[in-house]
Amino acid sequence: MLLWGVIERLRGGYTDESDVQQRGQPTSPARVMQSISLEQIAADGMELTGGGAPFELSGQIKNESETTLRSVTLVITRRDCFEGALDPSGCVVLWQDRHWMQISVPAGEAREFSTSVWMRGSAPRPRGTPEDSVEVVAATGESAKN
């Protein structure tokens, strides 16, 4: 059988090019990663829980773009609010960190998520009431190359 294949190839007998993958050409359409405008991504119900080894971040990500959302980068800020804080808001920043998260949200849909957040260094204990804020600072999506 092997000998027959070699002879046919040398004779040029196999001419159905549609079944032969061209060298260096992908067999399926490539996926193209692209940045998604932050106005098209919404983060709702963000909650940071736990003692810091690790923290648990949960909430909902809504994708209002026309591509599938694949990842988001979040900036998480924990403030300590207490009487006597030097800042006029009454709160001081305890720590701030960036967190990259892989997520798959089809266009026009929303997904609940929960992820572990490991803080660099040790998490300082708040003197008063902790207040957390989570902001989406980057998002990437994937669309099929046409």
Protein backbone atom coordinates (compact mmCIF):
# COMPACT_ATOMS: atom_id res chain seq x y z
CA MET A 1 0.00 0.00 0.00
CA LEU A 2 2.84 2.38 0.86
CA LEU A 3 4.56 1.56 -2.40
CA TRP A 4 1.35 2.31 -4.31
CA GLY A 5 1.07 5.72 -2.59
CA VAL A 6 4.67 6.62 -3.49
CA ILE A 7 4.20 5.57 -7.12
CA GLU A 8 0.92 7.52 -7.42
CA ARG A 9 2.53 10.60 -5.95
CA LEU A 10 5.48 10.40 -8.34
CA ARG A 11 3.14 9.91 -11.30
CA GLY A 12 1.01 12.86 -10.13
CA GLY A 13 -2.04 10.65 -9.83
CA TYR A 14 -3.39 12.35 -6.71
CA THR A 15 -4.82 15.63 -8.01
CA ASP A 16 -7.67 16.40 -5.60
CA GLU A 17 -6.15 19.54 -4.04
CA SER A 18 -9.24 20.26 -1.91
CA ASP A 19 -8.35 17.38 0.43
CA VAL A 20 -4.66 18.24 0.73
CA GLN A 21 -3.63 20.79 3.35
CA GLN A 22 -1.12 23.23 1.91
CA ARG A 23 2.05 23.41 3.93
CA GLY A 24 1.99 26.39 6.32
CA GLN A 25 -1.74 27.00 5.83
CA PRO A 26 -4.12 26.55 8.77
CA THR A 27 -6.89 23.97 8.48
CA SER A 28 -9.47 26.26 10.12
CA PRO A 29 -10.08 30.02 10.10
CA ALA A 30 -7.79 31.88 12.46
CA ARG A 31 -9.18 33.70 15.47
CA VAL A 32 -8.29 37.35 15.77
CA MET A 33 -7.97 38.90 19.23
CA GLN A 34 -8.96 42.53 19.44
CA SER A 35 -9.43 45.19 22.05
CA ILE A 36 -13.02 45.95 23.05
CA SER A 37 -14.14 49.47 23.93
CA LEU A 38 -14.70 49.84 27.68
CA GLU A 39 -18.07 51.50 27.03
CA GLN A 40 -19.26 48.11 25.71
CA ILE A 41 -18.36 46.19 28.88
CA ALA A 42 -20.32 46.52 32.14
CA ALA A 43 -19.36 45.08 35.53
CA ASP A 44 -22.26 44.78 37.98
CA GLY A 45 -22.69 43.49 41.51
CA MET A 46 -18.96 43.27 42.22
CA GLU A 47 -18.24 41.91 45.69
CA LEU A 48 -14.86 41.23 47.28
CA THR A 49 -15.00 38.78 50.20
CA GLY A 50 -12.53 36.83 52.31
CA GLY A 51 -9.48 37.56 54.40
CA GLY A 52 -6.92 38.02 51.66
CA ALA A 53 -5.38 34.59 51.22
CA PRO A 54 -7.02 34.77 48.69
CA PHE A 55 -9.88 37.22 48.35
CA GLU A 56 -12.90 36.03 46.36
CA LEU A 57 -14.26 38.42 43.71
CA SER A 58 -17.71 37.73 42.28
CA GLY A 59 -20.16 39.62 40.13
CA GLN A 60 -21.49 39.86 36.60
CA ILE A 61 -19.81 40.92 33.34
CA LYS A 62 -22.03 42.12 30.48
CA ASN A 63 -20.73 42.20 26.91
CA GLU A 64 -22.50 44.75 24.70
CA SER A 65 -19.99 44.44 21.84
CA GLU A 66 -20.35 42.42 18.63
CA THR A 67 -17.47 40.05 19.47
CA THR A 68 -17.06 37.31 22.06
CA LEU A 69 -15.42 38.68 25.22
CA ARG A 70 -12.41 36.55 26.20
CA SER A 71 -10.68 38.47 29.00
CA VAL A 72 -10.91 41.54 31.19
CA THR A 73 -8.40 43.42 33.32
CA LEU A 74 -9.79 44.87 36.53
CA VAL A 75 -8.38 47.42 38.95
CA ILE A 76 -9.47 46.53 42.47
CA THR A 77 -9.16 49.21 45.16
CA ARG A 78 -9.82 48.71 48.87
CA ARG A 79 -10.32 51.85 50.95
CA ASP A 80 -10.42 52.14 54.73
CA CYS A 81 -13.11 54.60 55.89
CA PHE A 82 -12.82 55.86 59.43
CA GLU A 83 -13.26 59.03 61.47
CA GLY A 84 -10.05 61.02 61.51
CA ALA A 85 -8.84 59.98 58.05
CA LEU A 86 -6.69 62.72 56.51
CA ASP A 87 -8.40 62.50 53.11
CA PRO A 88 -11.47 64.78 52.79
CA SER A 89 -13.55 61.77 51.63
CA GLY A 90 -13.02 60.12 55.02
CA CYS A 91 -11.31 57.13 53.41
CA VAL A 92 -7.69 56.20 52.69
CA VAL A 93 -6.51 53.65 50.12
CA LEU A 94 -5.31 50.46 51.82
CA TRP A 95 -4.27 48.70 48.63
CA GLN A 96 -4.86 48.63 44.88
CA ASP A 97 -4.11 45.84 42.43
CA ARG A 98 -4.69 44.81 38.81
CA HIS A 99 -6.34 41.47 38.17
CA TRP A 100 -6.51 39.79 34.74
CA MET A 101 -9.36 37.35 34.31
CA GLN A 102 -10.19 34.97 31.49
CA ILE A 103 -13.93 34.82 30.78
CA SER A 104 -16.09 33.85 27.83
CA VAL A 105 -19.13 36.06 27.24
CA PRO A 106 -20.84 35.92 23.83
CA ALA A 107 -21.88 39.18 22.16
CA GLY A 108 -24.92 40.79 23.79
CA GLU A 109 -24.92 38.46 26.82
CA ALA A 110 -23.95 38.61 30.51
CA ARG A 111 -22.21 36.03 32.70
CA GLU A 112 -21.87 35.57 36.45
CA PHE A 113 -18.33 34.86 37.62
CA SER A 114 -16.29 34.14 40.71
CA THR A 115 -12.50 34.29 40.82
CA SER A 116 -9.71 34.20 43.38
CA VAL A 117 -7.67 37.38 43.81
CA TRP A 118 -4.21 36.98 45.28
CA MET A 119 -2.83 40.24 46.57
CA ARG A 120 0.87 41.00 46.36
CA GLY A 121 2.32 41.29 49.85
CA SER A 122 0.19 41.19 52.97
CA ALA A 123 -3.25 42.80 53.13
CA PRO A 124 -3.33 45.55 55.77
CA ARG A 125 -6.26 45.35 58.18
CA PRO A 126 -8.75 48.24 57.98
CA ARG A 127 -9.15 50.50 61.02
CA GLY A 128 -12.72 51.35 60.07
CA THR A 129 -15.10 50.14 57.39
CA PRO A 130 -13.58 48.70 54.19
CA GLU A 131 -15.03 49.95 50.90
CA ASP A 132 -14.12 48.21 47.66
CA SER A 133 -14.32 49.42 44.08
CA VAL A 134 -13.75 47.42 40.92
CA GLU A 135 -13.15 49.06 37.54
CA VAL A 136 -12.73 47.40 34.13
CA VAL A 137 -9.62 48.93 32.51
CA ALA A 138 -9.11 46.59 29.53
CA ALA A 139 -11.07 43.96 27.60
CA THR A 140 -10.20 41.67 24.71
CA GLY A 141 -12.48 39.76 22.40
CA GLU A 142 -12.27 37.19 19.66
CA SER A 143 -13.88 37.18 16.25
CA ALA A 144 -13.55 34.76 13.37
CA LYS A 145 -11.32 35.97 10.53
CA ASN A 146 -13.38 36.24 7.38
